[in-house]
């Protein structure tokens, strides 16, 4: 389950040490952590990372398969989380130490800056292969954070990007050695912690208004 720590001006949100799928309990813990970050005063920034092989594999498809009647509420909750991170009034840095797939990859796109492990691990949107169409909100998020060509390739082919390829495609900002992912993200976040506040919130709200509106819309089904 997600855990939140703070060192100086930087909150570090660890998603967990498993596949870190978005179960209802996991989403509740994430929102509680974001509440703490958002309600804190003064200079602050957020680094989101995980422990182990996975950053996140996204939706909890096993839970969803046995709770079909709750699909709309569940997916709406996932989109709400993505919107919260995208609009957070602090600088956010994703420290992608392992695989980031599907909604896990979308969570990285909700962050302002992305640091990825260079030697192992993939960033991937596999929805075309697992036969799960992107919701309008998810499509809007991806297309607001990637170039049109990269979004097209990632969404329509399910291509797996390693660190160097992800940098070249503009998916992440930098790729570093495994033992430097978290420290690099914290260093970036520390340098930008003074940007936190209502002005940053307003800038993000206006910059990503259409994507945020789409993510915040209720998903039927």
N, C-alpha and C. Protein backbone atom coordinates (compact mmCIF):
# COMPACT_ATOMS: atom_id res chain seq x y z
N UNK A 1 0.84 -1.20 0.00
CA UNK A 1 0.00 0.00 0.00
C UNK A 1 0.87 1.25 0.00
N UNK A 2 0.37 2.34 -0.52
CA UNK A 2 1.15 3.57 -0.58
C UNK A 2 1.51 4.10 0.81
N UNK A 3 2.71 4.67 0.91
CA UNK A 3 3.15 5.30 2.14
C UNK A 3 3.77 6.65 1.80
N UNK A 4 3.61 7.62 2.71
CA UNK A 4 4.10 8.97 2.47
C UNK A 4 5.09 9.37 3.56
N UNK A 5 6.26 9.85 3.13
CA UNK A 5 7.26 10.38 4.05
C UNK A 5 7.64 11.78 3.58
N UNK A 6 8.28 12.52 4.49
CA UNK A 6 8.73 13.86 4.12
C UNK A 6 10.16 14.07 4.60
N UNK A 7 10.97 14.63 3.72
CA UNK A 7 12.33 15.01 4.05
C UNK A 7 12.54 16.44 3.58
N UNK A 8 12.61 17.37 4.53
CA UNK A 8 12.72 18.76 4.15
C UNK A 8 11.49 19.24 3.42
N UNK A 9 11.69 19.78 2.23
CA UNK A 9 10.57 20.31 1.44
C UNK A 9 9.95 19.27 0.51
N UNK A 10 10.47 18.04 0.53
CA UNK A 10 10.02 17.04 -0.44
C UNK A 10 9.25 15.90 0.24
N UNK A 11 8.02 15.72 -0.20
CA UNK A 11 7.25 14.53 0.17
C UNK A 11 7.64 13.41 -0.79
N UNK A 12 7.84 12.21 -0.26
CA UNK A 12 8.11 11.04 -1.09
C UNK A 12 6.97 10.04 -0.89
N UNK A 13 6.24 9.81 -1.95
CA UNK A 13 5.10 8.89 -1.95
C UNK A 13 5.53 7.59 -2.60
N UNK A 14 5.62 6.53 -1.80
CA UNK A 14 6.00 5.21 -2.31
C UNK A 14 4.74 4.41 -2.57
N UNK A 15 4.54 3.99 -3.81
CA UNK A 15 3.31 3.32 -4.21
C UNK A 15 3.17 1.92 -3.65
N UNK A 16 4.29 1.31 -3.23
CA UNK A 16 4.24 -0.04 -2.69
C UNK A 16 5.33 -0.91 -3.28
N UNK A 17 5.32 -2.19 -2.90
CA UNK A 17 6.37 -3.10 -3.34
C UNK A 17 5.83 -4.33 -4.08
N UNK A 18 4.60 -4.19 -4.62
CA UNK A 18 4.04 -5.28 -5.44
C UNK A 18 3.82 -4.73 -6.84
N UNK A 19 2.74 -5.15 -7.52
CA UNK A 19 2.42 -4.56 -8.82
C UNK A 19 1.75 -3.20 -8.67
N UNK A 20 1.37 -2.87 -7.44
CA UNK A 20 0.81 -1.55 -7.13
C UNK A 20 -0.37 -1.20 -8.03
N UNK A 21 -1.26 -2.18 -8.13
CA UNK A 21 -2.47 -1.96 -8.92
C UNK A 21 -3.46 -1.09 -8.15
N UNK A 22 -4.32 -0.43 -8.90
CA UNK A 22 -5.22 0.57 -8.33
C UNK A 22 -6.46 -0.08 -7.72
N UNK A 23 -6.29 -0.80 -6.62
CA UNK A 23 -7.45 -1.36 -5.92
C UNK A 23 -8.19 -0.23 -5.22
N UNK A 24 -9.45 -0.44 -4.83
CA UNK A 24 -10.17 0.61 -4.10
C UNK A 24 -9.43 1.07 -2.84
N UNK A 25 -8.89 0.13 -2.06
CA UNK A 25 -8.16 0.51 -0.86
C UNK A 25 -6.90 1.29 -1.20
N UNK A 26 -6.23 0.91 -2.28
CA UNK A 26 -5.02 1.61 -2.74
C UNK A 26 -5.37 3.04 -3.13
N UNK A 27 -6.48 3.21 -3.84
CA UNK A 27 -6.91 4.55 -4.24
C UNK A 27 -7.22 5.41 -3.02
N UNK A 28 -7.85 4.82 -2.01
CA UNK A 28 -8.15 5.56 -0.79
C UNK A 28 -6.87 6.04 -0.11
N UNK A 29 -5.87 5.16 -0.05
CA UNK A 29 -4.59 5.53 0.56
C UNK A 29 -3.88 6.62 -0.24
N UNK A 30 -3.97 6.54 -1.57
CA UNK A 30 -3.35 7.56 -2.41
C UNK A 30 -3.99 8.92 -2.19
N UNK A 31 -5.31 8.95 -2.14
CA UNK A 31 -6.00 10.22 -1.95
C UNK A 31 -5.70 10.82 -0.58
N UNK A 32 -5.56 9.97 0.43
CA UNK A 32 -5.21 10.47 1.77
C UNK A 32 -3.82 11.09 1.75
N UNK A 33 -2.89 10.46 1.03
CA UNK A 33 -1.53 11.01 0.92
C UNK A 33 -1.55 12.34 0.19
N UNK A 34 -2.31 12.43 -0.89
CA UNK A 34 -2.39 13.68 -1.64
C UNK A 34 -3.06 14.77 -0.82
N UNK A 35 -4.03 14.40 0.02
CA UNK A 35 -4.63 15.38 0.93
C UNK A 35 -3.55 16.02 1.80
N UNK A 36 -2.67 15.18 2.34
CA UNK A 36 -1.61 15.69 3.23
C UNK A 36 -0.67 16.63 2.48
N UNK A 37 -0.30 16.25 1.26
CA UNK A 37 0.58 17.10 0.47
C UNK A 37 -0.09 18.42 0.14
N UNK A 38 -1.34 18.34 -0.27
CA UNK A 38 -2.06 19.53 -0.72
C UNK A 38 -2.32 20.50 0.44
N UNK A 39 -2.56 19.96 1.62
CA UNK A 39 -2.93 20.80 2.76
C UNK A 39 -1.73 21.35 3.52
N UNK A 40 -0.53 20.88 3.20
CA UNK A 40 0.67 21.38 3.86
C UNK A 40 0.93 22.83 3.45
N UNK A 41 1.65 23.53 4.29
CA UNK A 41 1.96 24.93 4.02
C UNK A 41 3.39 25.08 3.52
N UNK A 42 3.64 26.19 2.86
CA UNK A 42 5.00 26.56 2.50
C UNK A 42 5.56 25.82 1.31
N UNK A 43 6.87 25.93 1.14
CA UNK A 43 7.56 25.27 0.03
C UNK A 43 7.45 23.76 0.17
N UNK A 44 7.11 23.11 -0.92
CA UNK A 44 6.98 21.66 -0.90
C UNK A 44 6.88 21.15 -2.31
N UNK A 45 7.26 19.90 -2.50
CA UNK A 45 7.14 19.23 -3.79
C UNK A 45 6.88 17.75 -3.51
N UNK A 46 6.51 17.02 -4.55
CA UNK A 46 6.17 15.61 -4.39
C UNK A 46 6.97 14.74 -5.35
N UNK A 47 7.57 13.69 -4.82
CA UNK A 47 8.19 12.64 -5.63
C UNK A 47 7.36 11.38 -5.44
N UNK A 48 6.94 10.78 -6.54
CA UNK A 48 6.19 9.53 -6.49
C UNK A 48 7.06 8.42 -7.07
N UNK A 49 7.22 7.34 -6.32
CA UNK A 49 8.06 6.24 -6.76
C UNK A 49 7.46 4.94 -6.23
N UNK A 50 8.22 3.86 -6.29
CA UNK A 50 7.78 2.58 -5.74
C UNK A 50 9.01 1.78 -5.36
N UNK A 51 8.78 0.60 -4.83
CA UNK A 51 9.87 -0.27 -4.39
C UNK A 51 9.76 -1.60 -5.12
N UNK A 52 10.82 -2.01 -5.78
CA UNK A 52 10.79 -3.31 -6.44
C UNK A 52 10.70 -3.22 -7.95
N UNK A 53 10.15 -4.27 -8.54
CA UNK A 53 10.16 -4.44 -9.99
C UNK A 53 9.19 -3.52 -10.72
N UNK A 54 8.12 -3.11 -10.02
CA UNK A 54 7.05 -2.36 -10.67
C UNK A 54 6.90 -0.95 -10.08
N UNK A 55 6.69 0.02 -10.95
CA UNK A 55 6.16 1.31 -10.53
C UNK A 55 4.67 1.11 -10.31
N UNK A 56 3.95 0.73 -11.35
CA UNK A 56 2.55 0.35 -11.22
C UNK A 56 2.08 -0.31 -12.51
N UNK A 57 1.25 -1.35 -12.35
CA UNK A 57 0.63 -2.00 -13.50
C UNK A 57 -0.80 -1.54 -13.73
N UNK A 58 -1.22 -0.49 -13.02
CA UNK A 58 -2.49 0.14 -13.36
C UNK A 58 -3.72 -0.47 -12.72
N UNK A 59 -4.80 -0.54 -13.47
CA UNK A 59 -6.09 -0.98 -12.94
C UNK A 59 -6.01 -2.37 -12.32
N UNK A 60 -6.80 -2.55 -11.27
CA UNK A 60 -6.90 -3.85 -10.62
C UNK A 60 -7.95 -4.67 -11.37
N UNK A 61 -7.51 -5.30 -12.45
CA UNK A 61 -8.45 -6.01 -13.33
C UNK A 61 -9.07 -7.22 -12.63
N UNK A 62 -8.35 -7.83 -11.71
CA UNK A 62 -8.91 -8.97 -10.98
C UNK A 62 -10.08 -8.53 -10.11
N UNK A 63 -9.90 -7.41 -9.40
CA UNK A 63 -11.00 -6.88 -8.58
C UNK A 63 -12.15 -6.47 -9.48
N UNK A 64 -11.85 -5.83 -10.59
CA UNK A 64 -12.89 -5.33 -11.47
C UNK A 64 -13.71 -6.47 -12.06
N UNK A 65 -13.07 -7.61 -12.31
CA UNK A 65 -13.78 -8.75 -12.91
C UNK A 65 -14.86 -9.31 -12.00
N UNK A 66 -14.74 -9.06 -10.70
CA UNK A 66 -15.74 -9.56 -9.76
C UNK A 66 -16.63 -8.45 -9.21
N UNK A 67 -16.48 -7.26 -9.73
CA UNK A 67 -17.29 -6.12 -9.29
C UNK A 67 -17.75 -5.31 -10.50
N UNK A 68 -18.27 -5.99 -11.49
CA UNK A 68 -18.63 -5.36 -12.75
C UNK A 68 -19.64 -4.24 -12.56
N UNK A 69 -20.54 -4.41 -11.60
CA UNK A 69 -21.56 -3.38 -11.37
C UNK A 69 -20.97 -2.07 -10.88
N UNK A 70 -19.76 -2.13 -10.36
CA UNK A 70 -19.10 -0.94 -9.83
C UNK A 70 -18.08 -0.34 -10.79
N UNK A 71 -18.08 -0.83 -12.03
CA UNK A 71 -17.06 -0.40 -13.00
C UNK A 71 -17.03 1.12 -13.17
N UNK A 72 -18.20 1.72 -13.39
CA UNK A 72 -18.23 3.16 -13.64
C UNK A 72 -17.69 3.96 -12.48
N UNK A 73 -18.09 3.61 -11.27
CA UNK A 73 -17.61 4.32 -10.09
C UNK A 73 -16.12 4.12 -9.90
N UNK A 74 -15.66 2.89 -10.14
CA UNK A 74 -14.24 2.58 -9.97
C UNK A 74 -13.38 3.35 -10.97
N UNK A 75 -13.73 3.30 -12.25
CA UNK A 75 -12.94 3.99 -13.27
C UNK A 75 -12.99 5.49 -13.05
N UNK A 76 -14.13 5.99 -12.62
CA UNK A 76 -14.23 7.42 -12.30
C UNK A 76 -13.27 7.79 -11.18
N UNK A 77 -13.13 6.89 -10.19
CA UNK A 77 -12.21 7.12 -9.10
C UNK A 77 -10.76 7.14 -9.56
N UNK A 78 -10.42 6.26 -10.50
CA UNK A 78 -9.07 6.25 -11.07
C UNK A 78 -8.80 7.57 -11.79
N UNK A 79 -9.77 8.01 -12.58
CA UNK A 79 -9.60 9.26 -13.32
C UNK A 79 -9.49 10.45 -12.36
N UNK A 80 -10.24 10.40 -11.28
CA UNK A 80 -10.17 11.47 -10.29
C UNK A 80 -8.75 11.56 -9.72
N UNK A 81 -8.13 10.40 -9.46
CA UNK A 81 -6.76 10.40 -8.95
C UNK A 81 -5.80 11.01 -9.98
N UNK A 82 -5.93 10.63 -11.23
CA UNK A 82 -5.06 11.18 -12.28
C UNK A 82 -5.23 12.69 -12.37
N UNK A 83 -6.47 13.16 -12.26
CA UNK A 83 -6.73 14.59 -12.32
C UNK A 83 -6.13 15.31 -11.11
N UNK A 84 -6.22 14.69 -9.94
CA UNK A 84 -5.66 15.31 -8.74
C UNK A 84 -4.16 15.54 -8.88
N UNK A 85 -3.47 14.52 -9.36
CA UNK A 85 -2.02 14.64 -9.51
C UNK A 85 -1.69 15.69 -10.56
N UNK A 86 -2.41 15.67 -11.69
CA UNK A 86 -2.16 16.62 -12.77
C UNK A 86 -2.34 18.06 -12.29
N UNK A 87 -3.30 18.29 -11.40
CA UNK A 87 -3.64 19.64 -10.98
C UNK A 87 -3.03 20.03 -9.63
N UNK A 88 -2.25 19.17 -9.03
CA UNK A 88 -1.73 19.42 -7.70
C UNK A 88 -0.94 20.74 -7.67
N UNK A 89 -1.12 21.55 -6.64
CA UNK A 89 -0.46 22.86 -6.60
C UNK A 89 0.98 22.81 -6.10
N UNK A 90 1.66 21.73 -6.39
CA UNK A 90 3.09 21.58 -6.10
C UNK A 90 3.73 20.93 -7.31
N UNK A 91 5.03 21.10 -7.46
CA UNK A 91 5.73 20.39 -8.53
C UNK A 91 5.81 18.91 -8.18
N UNK A 92 5.49 18.07 -9.15
CA UNK A 92 5.46 16.62 -8.94
C UNK A 92 6.48 15.95 -9.86
N UNK A 93 7.20 14.98 -9.31
CA UNK A 93 8.22 14.26 -10.07
C UNK A 93 7.97 12.76 -9.92
N UNK A 94 7.80 12.05 -11.03
CA UNK A 94 7.65 10.60 -11.01
C UNK A 94 9.03 9.98 -11.12
N UNK A 95 9.40 9.17 -10.14
CA UNK A 95 10.67 8.44 -10.15
C UNK A 95 10.35 7.00 -10.53
N UNK A 96 10.48 6.68 -11.82
CA UNK A 96 9.99 5.42 -12.38
C UNK A 96 11.10 4.38 -12.30
N UNK A 97 11.13 3.65 -11.18
CA UNK A 97 12.21 2.70 -10.92
C UNK A 97 11.94 1.32 -11.51
N UNK A 98 10.72 1.09 -12.01
CA UNK A 98 10.35 -0.21 -12.56
C UNK A 98 9.29 -0.06 -13.64
N UNK A 99 8.64 -1.16 -13.97
CA UNK A 99 7.65 -1.15 -15.05
C UNK A 99 6.48 -0.21 -14.73
N UNK A 100 6.09 0.59 -15.72
CA UNK A 100 4.91 1.45 -15.62
C UNK A 100 4.01 1.12 -16.80
N UNK A 101 2.91 0.44 -16.55
CA UNK A 101 2.03 -0.03 -17.61
C UNK A 101 0.63 0.55 -17.42
N UNK A 102 -0.05 0.79 -18.55
CA UNK A 102 -1.46 1.16 -18.58
C UNK A 102 -1.72 2.37 -17.68
N UNK A 103 -2.67 2.26 -16.74
CA UNK A 103 -2.97 3.40 -15.88
C UNK A 103 -1.76 3.78 -15.02
N UNK A 104 -0.86 2.85 -14.78
CA UNK A 104 0.38 3.18 -14.09
C UNK A 104 1.23 4.12 -14.91
N UNK A 105 1.27 3.90 -16.22
CA UNK A 105 1.98 4.81 -17.12
C UNK A 105 1.26 6.15 -17.18
N UNK A 106 -0.07 6.12 -17.17
CA UNK A 106 -0.83 7.37 -17.17
C UNK A 106 -0.57 8.17 -15.90
N UNK A 107 -0.39 7.47 -14.78
CA UNK A 107 -0.07 8.18 -13.54
C UNK A 107 1.25 8.93 -13.68
N UNK A 108 2.23 8.34 -14.36
CA UNK A 108 3.49 9.07 -14.56
C UNK A 108 3.25 10.33 -15.40
N UNK A 109 2.35 10.24 -16.38
CA UNK A 109 2.08 11.40 -17.24
C UNK A 109 1.38 12.52 -16.48
N UNK A 110 0.74 12.20 -15.37
CA UNK A 110 0.10 13.23 -14.56
C UNK A 110 1.12 14.08 -13.81
N UNK A 111 2.35 13.61 -13.74
CA UNK A 111 3.41 14.33 -13.02
C UNK A 111 4.06 15.37 -13.93
N UNK A 112 4.62 16.39 -13.32
CA UNK A 112 5.27 17.45 -14.09
C UNK A 112 6.57 17.00 -14.72
N UNK A 113 7.34 16.18 -14.00
CA UNK A 113 8.66 15.72 -14.45
C UNK A 113 8.71 14.21 -14.27
N UNK A 114 9.41 13.52 -15.17
CA UNK A 114 9.52 12.07 -15.09
C UNK A 114 10.99 11.65 -15.22
N UNK A 115 11.44 10.86 -14.25
CA UNK A 115 12.78 10.28 -14.24
C UNK A 115 12.62 8.78 -14.31
N UNK A 116 13.32 8.13 -15.24
CA UNK A 116 13.14 6.69 -15.45
C UNK A 116 14.46 5.95 -15.32
N UNK A 117 14.38 4.74 -14.89
CA UNK A 117 15.55 3.86 -14.84
C UNK A 117 16.03 3.56 -16.26
N UNK A 118 17.32 3.66 -16.49
CA UNK A 118 17.85 3.54 -17.84
C UNK A 118 18.05 2.11 -18.31
N UNK A 119 18.40 1.21 -17.40
CA UNK A 119 18.88 -0.11 -17.84
C UNK A 119 17.80 -1.17 -17.94
N UNK A 120 16.75 -1.06 -17.14
CA UNK A 120 15.68 -2.06 -17.17
C UNK A 120 14.35 -1.38 -16.89
N UNK A 121 13.27 -2.07 -17.26
CA UNK A 121 11.94 -1.53 -17.02
C UNK A 121 11.35 -0.91 -18.27
N UNK A 122 10.04 -1.04 -18.41
CA UNK A 122 9.35 -0.52 -19.58
C UNK A 122 8.22 0.42 -19.18
N UNK A 123 7.99 1.39 -20.05
CA UNK A 123 6.82 2.27 -19.97
C UNK A 123 5.94 1.88 -21.15
N UNK A 124 4.66 1.58 -20.89
CA UNK A 124 3.83 1.01 -21.96
C UNK A 124 2.35 1.28 -21.72
N UNK A 125 1.64 1.56 -22.82
CA UNK A 125 0.18 1.65 -22.83
C UNK A 125 -0.34 0.45 -23.64
N UNK A 126 -0.64 -0.68 -22.98
CA UNK A 126 -0.98 -1.91 -23.70
C UNK A 126 -2.46 -2.09 -24.01
N UNK A 127 -3.25 -1.04 -23.86
CA UNK A 127 -4.70 -1.19 -23.99
C UNK A 127 -5.13 -1.81 -25.31
N UNK A 128 -4.43 -1.49 -26.41
CA UNK A 128 -4.81 -2.04 -27.71
C UNK A 128 -4.63 -3.55 -27.74
N UNK A 129 -3.71 -4.07 -26.96
CA UNK A 129 -3.45 -5.51 -26.93
C UNK A 129 -4.35 -6.25 -25.95
N UNK A 130 -4.75 -5.58 -24.87
CA UNK A 130 -5.61 -6.24 -23.89
C UNK A 130 -7.09 -5.91 -24.13
N UNK A 131 -7.35 -5.23 -25.24
CA UNK A 131 -8.73 -4.97 -25.68
C UNK A 131 -9.53 -4.15 -24.67
N UNK A 132 -8.90 -3.11 -24.13
CA UNK A 132 -9.59 -2.18 -23.23
C UNK A 132 -9.41 -0.77 -23.80
N UNK A 133 -10.43 -0.21 -24.43
CA UNK A 133 -10.28 1.13 -25.01
C UNK A 133 -9.99 2.18 -23.93
N UNK A 134 -9.23 3.19 -24.30
CA UNK A 134 -9.01 4.31 -23.41
C UNK A 134 -10.33 5.07 -23.22
N UNK A 135 -10.59 5.51 -22.02
CA UNK A 135 -11.74 6.38 -21.81
C UNK A 135 -11.42 7.75 -22.42
N UNK A 136 -12.43 8.58 -22.67
CA UNK A 136 -12.15 9.93 -23.16
C UNK A 136 -11.21 10.69 -22.24
N UNK A 137 -11.37 10.54 -20.93
CA UNK A 137 -10.50 11.24 -20.00
C UNK A 137 -9.06 10.78 -20.10
N UNK A 138 -8.86 9.48 -20.18
CA UNK A 138 -7.50 8.94 -20.30
C UNK A 138 -6.86 9.38 -21.61
N UNK A 139 -7.64 9.34 -22.69
CA UNK A 139 -7.12 9.81 -23.98
C UNK A 139 -6.70 11.26 -23.90
N UNK A 140 -7.53 12.08 -23.25
CA UNK A 140 -7.22 13.50 -23.13
C UNK A 140 -5.95 13.73 -22.33
N UNK A 141 -5.77 12.97 -21.26
CA UNK A 141 -4.55 13.09 -20.46
C UNK A 141 -3.32 12.75 -21.29
N UNK A 142 -3.34 11.62 -21.95
CA UNK A 142 -2.18 11.18 -22.73
C UNK A 142 -1.85 12.19 -23.81
N UNK A 143 -2.87 12.65 -24.52
CA UNK A 143 -2.64 13.57 -25.64
C UNK A 143 -2.24 14.96 -25.17
N UNK A 144 -2.53 15.30 -23.90
CA UNK A 144 -2.12 16.60 -23.39
C UNK A 144 -0.68 16.59 -22.90
N UNK A 145 -0.10 15.40 -22.70
CA UNK A 145 1.23 15.32 -22.11
C UNK A 145 2.29 14.76 -23.07
N UNK A 146 1.86 14.24 -24.22
CA UNK A 146 2.80 13.69 -25.19
C UNK A 146 2.61 14.40 -26.54
N UNK A 147 3.65 14.35 -27.37
CA UNK A 147 3.49 14.88 -28.72
C UNK A 147 2.48 14.05 -29.48
N UNK A 148 1.83 14.60 -30.50
CA UNK A 148 0.84 13.82 -31.24
C UNK A 148 1.39 12.50 -31.78
N UNK A 149 2.60 12.52 -32.32
CA UNK A 149 3.15 11.29 -32.90
C UNK A 149 3.45 10.25 -31.83
N UNK A 150 4.03 10.68 -30.72
CA UNK A 150 4.32 9.72 -29.65
C UNK A 150 3.03 9.17 -29.07
N UNK A 151 2.04 10.02 -28.85
CA UNK A 151 0.76 9.54 -28.33
C UNK A 151 0.14 8.53 -29.29
N UNK A 152 0.20 8.82 -30.58
CA UNK A 152 -0.38 7.92 -31.57
C UNK A 152 0.29 6.55 -31.52
N UNK A 153 1.60 6.54 -31.54
CA UNK A 153 2.33 5.26 -31.53
C UNK A 153 2.08 4.51 -30.22
N UNK A 154 2.19 5.21 -29.11
CA UNK A 154 2.02 4.55 -27.81
C UNK A 154 0.62 3.97 -27.65
N UNK A 155 -0.39 4.71 -28.11
CA UNK A 155 -1.77 4.29 -27.90
C UNK A 155 -2.23 3.25 -28.90
N UNK A 156 -1.75 3.31 -30.13
CA UNK A 156 -2.28 2.40 -31.17
C UNK A 156 -1.44 1.15 -31.38
N UNK A 157 -0.21 1.13 -30.86
CA UNK A 157 0.65 -0.05 -31.06
C UNK A 157 1.01 -0.75 -29.77
N UNK A 158 0.82 -0.10 -28.62
CA UNK A 158 1.20 -0.71 -27.36
C UNK A 158 2.71 -0.88 -27.23
N UNK A 159 3.48 -0.05 -27.89
CA UNK A 159 4.94 -0.16 -27.86
C UNK A 159 5.48 -0.05 -26.44
N UNK A 160 6.48 -0.86 -26.15
CA UNK A 160 7.16 -0.80 -24.86
C UNK A 160 8.41 0.05 -25.01
N UNK A 161 8.50 1.07 -24.18
CA UNK A 161 9.63 1.99 -24.24
C UNK A 161 10.57 1.73 -23.08
N UNK A 162 11.84 1.45 -23.38
CA UNK A 162 12.86 1.45 -22.35
C UNK A 162 13.26 2.87 -22.03
N UNK A 163 14.18 3.05 -21.09
CA UNK A 163 14.54 4.38 -20.63
C UNK A 163 15.02 5.30 -21.73
N UNK A 164 16.01 4.85 -22.51
CA UNK A 164 16.57 5.70 -23.56
C UNK A 164 15.52 6.02 -24.62
N UNK A 165 14.70 5.03 -24.99
CA UNK A 165 13.64 5.26 -25.98
C UNK A 165 12.60 6.23 -25.45
N UNK A 166 12.30 6.12 -24.16
CA UNK A 166 11.30 7.02 -23.57
C UNK A 166 11.79 8.46 -23.55
N UNK A 167 13.10 8.65 -23.31
CA UNK A 167 13.67 9.99 -23.37
C UNK A 167 13.58 10.54 -24.79
N UNK A 168 13.95 9.72 -25.75
CA UNK A 168 13.94 10.15 -27.15
C UNK A 168 12.54 10.52 -27.61
N UNK A 169 11.54 9.78 -27.12
CA UNK A 169 10.14 10.05 -27.51
C UNK A 169 9.51 11.17 -26.71
N UNK A 170 10.21 11.69 -25.72
CA UNK A 170 9.65 12.76 -24.91
C UNK A 170 8.68 12.29 -23.84
N UNK A 171 8.68 10.99 -23.57
CA UNK A 171 7.79 10.45 -22.54
C UNK A 171 8.33 10.77 -21.15
N UNK A 172 9.65 10.65 -20.98
CA UNK A 172 10.29 11.01 -19.72
C UNK A 172 11.35 12.07 -19.99
N UNK A 173 11.76 12.75 -18.93
CA UNK A 173 12.72 13.84 -19.08
C UNK A 173 14.16 13.37 -19.04
N UNK A 174 14.41 12.31 -18.27
CA UNK A 174 15.77 11.79 -18.18
C UNK A 174 15.73 10.34 -17.75
N UNK A 175 16.77 9.59 -18.09
CA UNK A 175 16.93 8.20 -17.68
C UNK A 175 18.28 8.06 -17.01
N UNK A 176 18.30 7.46 -15.84
CA UNK A 176 19.52 7.36 -15.04
C UNK A 176 19.68 5.93 -14.51
N UNK A 177 20.81 5.68 -13.86
CA UNK A 177 21.05 4.37 -13.28
C UNK A 177 20.03 4.06 -12.20
N UNK A 178 19.80 2.78 -11.96
CA UNK A 178 18.79 2.34 -11.01
C UNK A 178 18.95 3.02 -9.65
N UNK A 179 20.18 3.07 -9.15
CA UNK A 179 20.39 3.61 -7.81
C UNK A 179 20.33 5.13 -7.75
N UNK A 180 20.12 5.76 -8.89
CA UNK A 180 20.05 7.22 -8.93
C UNK A 180 18.65 7.74 -9.24
N UNK A 181 17.69 6.86 -9.48
CA UNK A 181 16.36 7.31 -9.89
C UNK A 181 15.71 8.16 -8.80
N UNK A 182 15.63 7.62 -7.61
CA UNK A 182 14.95 8.36 -6.53
C UNK A 182 15.72 9.62 -6.15
N UNK A 183 17.03 9.52 -6.00
CA UNK A 183 17.82 10.68 -5.59
C UNK A 183 17.77 11.80 -6.63
N UNK A 184 17.77 11.42 -7.91
CA UNK A 184 17.67 12.43 -8.97
C UNK A 184 16.32 13.13 -8.91
N UNK A 185 15.27 12.35 -8.70
CA UNK A 185 13.92 12.94 -8.59
C UNK A 185 13.82 13.87 -7.40
N UNK A 186 14.38 13.47 -6.27
CA UNK A 186 14.34 14.31 -5.06
C UNK A 186 15.13 15.60 -5.29
N UNK A 187 16.27 15.50 -5.97
CA UNK A 187 17.07 16.69 -6.26
C UNK A 187 16.29 17.68 -7.13
N UNK A 188 15.61 17.15 -8.16
CA UNK A 188 14.80 18.01 -9.03
C UNK A 188 13.67 18.65 -8.23
N UNK A 189 12.99 17.84 -7.42
CA UNK A 189 11.86 18.32 -6.64
C UNK A 189 12.30 19.39 -5.63
N UNK A 190 13.45 19.18 -5.01
CA UNK A 190 13.95 20.15 -4.03
C UNK A 190 14.18 21.51 -4.67
N UNK A 191 14.72 21.50 -5.88
CA UNK A 191 14.99 22.75 -6.58
C UNK A 191 13.75 23.50 -7.01
N UNK A 192 12.61 22.80 -7.06
CA UNK A 192 11.38 23.42 -7.53
C UNK A 192 10.31 23.55 -6.44
N UNK A 193 10.68 23.21 -5.21
CA UNK A 193 9.70 23.22 -4.11
C UNK A 193 9.12 24.60 -3.86
N UNK A 194 9.86 25.64 -4.15
CA UNK A 194 9.39 26.99 -3.92
C UNK A 194 8.29 27.43 -4.87
N UNK A 195 8.00 26.65 -5.88
CA UNK A 195 6.94 27.00 -6.84
C UNK A 195 5.55 26.68 -6.32
N UNK A 196 5.45 25.94 -5.21
CA UNK A 196 4.15 25.48 -4.71
C UNK A 196 3.25 26.65 -4.36
N UNK A 197 1.96 26.48 -4.57
CA UNK A 197 1.01 27.50 -4.16
C UNK A 197 -0.12 27.70 -5.15
N UNK A 198 -0.94 28.67 -4.88
CA UNK A 198 -2.15 28.88 -5.66
C UNK A 198 -1.86 29.34 -7.09
N UNK A 199 -0.76 30.05 -7.29
CA UNK A 199 -0.44 30.46 -8.67
C UNK A 199 -0.16 29.23 -9.52
N UNK A 200 0.60 28.28 -8.99
CA UNK A 200 0.88 27.05 -9.72
C UNK A 200 -0.41 26.27 -9.97
N UNK A 201 -1.30 26.24 -8.98
CA UNK A 201 -2.58 25.56 -9.17
C UNK A 201 -3.35 26.17 -10.34
N UNK A 202 -3.39 27.50 -10.39
CA UNK A 202 -4.12 28.18 -11.45
C UNK A 202 -3.49 27.92 -12.81
N UNK A 203 -2.17 27.96 -12.86
CA UNK A 203 -1.47 27.70 -14.13
C UNK A 203 -1.82 26.32 -14.65
N UNK A 204 -1.76 25.32 -13.78
CA UNK A 204 -2.06 23.95 -14.21
C UNK A 204 -3.53 23.81 -14.62
N UNK A 205 -4.42 24.44 -13.86
CA UNK A 205 -5.84 24.34 -14.17
C UNK A 205 -6.15 24.91 -15.55
N UNK A 206 -5.49 26.00 -15.89
CA UNK A 206 -5.74 26.62 -17.20
C UNK A 206 -5.01 25.89 -18.32
N UNK A 207 -3.83 25.41 -18.03
CA UNK A 207 -3.05 24.70 -19.04
C UNK A 207 -3.72 23.39 -19.45
N UNK A 208 -4.27 22.68 -18.45
CA UNK A 208 -4.83 21.35 -18.71
C UNK A 208 -6.34 21.31 -18.51
N UNK A 209 -7.00 22.46 -18.67
CA UNK A 209 -8.43 22.53 -18.44
C UNK A 209 -9.26 21.46 -19.14
N UNK A 210 -9.14 21.29 -20.47
CA UNK A 210 -9.95 20.28 -21.15
C UNK A 210 -9.68 18.86 -20.65
N UNK A 211 -8.41 18.52 -20.43
CA UNK A 211 -8.09 17.18 -19.93
C UNK A 211 -8.66 16.97 -18.53
N UNK A 212 -8.54 17.98 -17.69
CA UNK A 212 -9.07 17.87 -16.33
C UNK A 212 -10.58 17.72 -16.34
N UNK A 213 -11.27 18.49 -17.17
CA UNK A 213 -12.72 18.36 -17.27
C UNK A 213 -13.12 16.96 -17.70
N UNK A 214 -12.39 16.40 -18.65
CA UNK A 214 -12.70 15.06 -19.14
C UNK A 214 -12.41 14.00 -18.09
N UNK A 215 -11.31 14.16 -17.36
CA UNK A 215 -10.95 13.20 -16.31
C UNK A 215 -11.94 13.24 -15.15
N UNK A 216 -12.48 14.43 -14.88
CA UNK A 216 -13.39 14.58 -13.75
C UNK A 216 -14.83 14.18 -14.07
N UNK A 217 -15.11 13.94 -15.33
CA UNK A 217 -16.45 13.52 -15.73
C UNK A 217 -16.70 12.07 -15.28
N UNK A 218 -17.91 11.78 -14.87
CA UNK A 218 -18.23 10.42 -14.44
C UNK A 218 -18.22 9.47 -15.64
N UNK A 219 -17.66 8.28 -15.42
CA UNK A 219 -17.60 7.26 -16.45
C UNK A 219 -18.80 6.32 -16.28
N UNK A 220 -19.57 6.14 -17.33
CA UNK A 220 -20.72 5.25 -17.25
C UNK A 220 -20.31 3.80 -17.32
N UNK A 221 -21.26 2.92 -17.07
CA UNK A 221 -21.01 1.49 -17.20
C UNK A 221 -20.75 0.81 -15.86
